[in-house]
C-alpha atoms as a PDB file:
ATOM      1  CA  MET A   1      88.609  47.543 144.823  1.00  0.00           C
ATOM      2  CA  LEU A   2      87.154  49.882 142.207  1.00  0.00           C
ATOM      3  CA  LEU A   3      83.787  48.140 142.381  1.00  0.00           C
ATOM      4  CA  ARG A   4      83.674  48.613 146.157  1.00  0.00           C
ATOM      5  CA  LEU A   5      84.441  52.328 145.754  1.00  0.00           C
ATOM      6  CA  LEU A   6      81.701  52.749 143.134  1.00  0.00           C
ATOM      7  CA  LEU A   7      79.157  50.931 145.318  1.00  0.00           C
ATOM      8  CA  THR A   8      80.071  53.096 148.318  1.00  0.00           C
ATOM      9  CA  LEU A   9      79.676  56.278 146.260  1.00  0.00           C
ATOM     10  CA  ALA A  10      76.340  55.049 144.874  1.00  0.00           C
ATOM     11  CA  LEU A  11      75.115  54.269 148.390  1.00  0.00           C
ATOM     12  CA  ILE A  12      76.166  57.703 149.668  1.00  0.00           C
ATOM     13  CA  GLY A  13      74.467  59.363 146.692  1.00  0.00           C
ATOM     14  CA  ALA A  14      71.242  57.395 147.231  1.00  0.00           C
ATOM     15  CA  LEU A  15      71.163  58.240 150.939  1.00  0.00           C
ATOM     16  CA  THR A  16      71.770  61.922 150.197  1.00  0.00           C
ATOM     17  CA  TRP A  17      68.977  61.938 147.604  1.00  0.00           C
ATOM     18  CA  LEU A  18      66.546  60.265 150.033  1.00  0.00           C
ATOM     19  CA  TRP A  19      67.463  62.672 152.831  1.00  0.00           C
ATOM     20  CA  ARG A  20      66.904  65.726 150.597  1.00  0.00           C
ATOM     21  CA  ASN A  21      63.552  64.431 149.335  1.00  0.00           C
ATOM     22  CA  ARG A  22      62.278  63.876 152.868  1.00  0.00           C
ATOM     23  CA  ARG A  23      63.297  67.391 153.887  1.00  0.00           C
ATOM     24  CA  ARG A  24      61.408  68.923 150.927  1.00  0.00           C
ATOM     25  CA  GLN A  25      58.232  66.922 151.589  1.00  0.00           C
ATOM     26  CA  ALA A  26      57.989  67.891 155.259  1.00  0.00           C
ATOM     27  CA  PRO A  27      55.024  70.242 155.674  1.00  0.00           C
ATOM     28  CA  PRO A  28      55.915  73.751 156.790  1.00  0.00           C
ATOM     29  CA  ALA A  29      55.188  74.626 160.384  1.00  0.00           C
ATOM     30  CA  LYS A  30      51.693  75.993 160.780  1.00  0.00           C
ATOM     31  CA  PRO A  31      51.767  79.566 162.080  1.00  0.00           C
ATOM     32  CA  THR A  32      49.902  80.135 165.280  1.00  0.00           C
ATOM     33  CA  GLU A  33      46.534  81.705 164.732  1.00  0.00           C
ATOM     34  CA  PRO A  34      45.413  84.660 166.783  1.00  0.00           C
ATOM     35  CA  SER A  35      42.761  83.851 169.329  1.00  0.00           C
ATOM     36  CA  GLY A  36      40.283  86.218 167.737  1.00  0.00           C
ATOM     37  CA  GLU A  37      39.218  87.551 171.123  1.00  0.00           C
ATOM     38  CA  PRO A  38      38.433  91.277 171.213  1.00  0.00           C
ATOM     39  CA  MET A  39      41.012  93.500 172.887  1.00  0.00           C
ATOM     40  CA  LEU A  40      39.914  96.408 175.068  1.00  0.00           C
ATOM     41  CA  ARG A  41      41.895  99.522 175.926  1.00  0.00           C
ATOM     42  CA  CYS A  42      42.393 100.481 179.565  1.00  0.00           C
ATOM     43  CA  ALA A  43      40.810 103.897 180.105  1.00  0.00           C
ATOM     44  CA  HIS A  44      43.557 104.812 182.580  1.00  0.00           C
ATOM     45  CA  CYS A  45      46.862 103.702 181.002  1.00  0.00           C
ATOM     46  CA  GLY A  46      45.927 102.766 177.434  1.00  0.00           C
ATOM     47  CA  LEU A  47      47.118  99.151 177.672  1.00  0.00           C
ATOM     48  CA  TYR A  48      45.239  96.703 175.432  1.00  0.00           C
ATOM     49  CA  ILE A  49      44.049  93.578 177.247  1.00  0.00           C
ATOM     50  CA  PRO A  50      41.837  90.602 176.272  1.00  0.00           C
ATOM     51  CA  GLN A  51      38.165  91.169 176.915  1.00  0.00           C
ATOM     52  CA  HIS A  52      37.919  88.289 179.402  1.00  0.00           C
ATOM     53  CA  LEU A  53      40.575  89.921 181.639  1.00  0.00           C
ATOM     54  CA  ALA A  54      39.218  93.466 181.479  1.00  0.00           C
ATOM     55  CA  LEU A  55      37.385  95.070 184.389  1.00  0.00           C
ATOM     56  CA  THR A  56      34.526  97.253 183.200  1.00  0.00           C
ATOM     57  CA  SER A  57      32.753 100.194 184.729  1.00  0.00           C
ATOM     58  CA  GLY A  58      30.032 101.676 182.542  1.00  0.00           C
ATOM     59  CA  ALA A  59      31.475 102.113 179.062  1.00  0.00           C
ATOM     60  CA  SER A  60      35.106 102.116 180.275  1.00  0.00           C
ATOM     61  CA  SER A  61      37.431  99.121 180.585  1.00  0.00           C
ATOM     62  CA  TYR A  62      40.433  98.794 182.893  1.00  0.00           C
ATOM     63  CA  CYS A  63      43.428  96.476 183.155  1.00  0.00           C
ATOM     64  CA  SER A  64      43.539  96.272 186.965  1.00  0.00           C
ATOM     65  CA  GLN A  65      41.540  96.998 190.090  1.00  0.00           C
ATOM     66  CA  ALA A  66      43.844  99.925 190.919  1.00  0.00           C
ATOM     67  CA  HIS A  67      43.178 101.589 187.563  1.00  0.00           C
ATOM     68  CA  LEU A  68      39.450 100.937 187.949  1.00  0.00           C
ATOM     69  CA  GLN A  69      39.513 102.781 191.268  1.00  0.00           C
ATOM     70  CA  LYS A  70      41.564 105.678 189.840  1.00  0.00           C
ATOM     71  CA  GLY A  71      39.232 106.072 186.862  1.00  0.00           C
ATOM     72  CA  PRO A  72      40.096 107.435 183.420  1.00  0.00           C
ATOM     73  CA  SER A  73      43.351 109.297 182.932  1.00  0.00           C
ATOM     74  CA  HIS A  74      43.350 113.067 182.446  1.00  0.00           C
ATOM     75  CA  SER A  75      43.854 112.686 178.704  1.00  0.00           C
ATOM     76  CA  GLU A  76      40.730 110.485 178.424  1.00  0.00           C
ATOM     77  CA  ARG A  77      38.384 112.885 180.256  1.00  0.00           C
END
């Protein structure tokens, strides 16, 4: 009876040790990298948007067709 108890405890200890070692060796999750695409500021509202989505008119960039039509805001003029 005592031998069976000792073997059970040894088995539980070995399984716990293996489980902890596998958790430590797991590589940490790789953080997502920024796309590196330039961000442009809308001349009307100031929102930053990726360059590929921006609408440009001359030197100004806009976030939407409506803001492109309205032009720069009063604070930008």
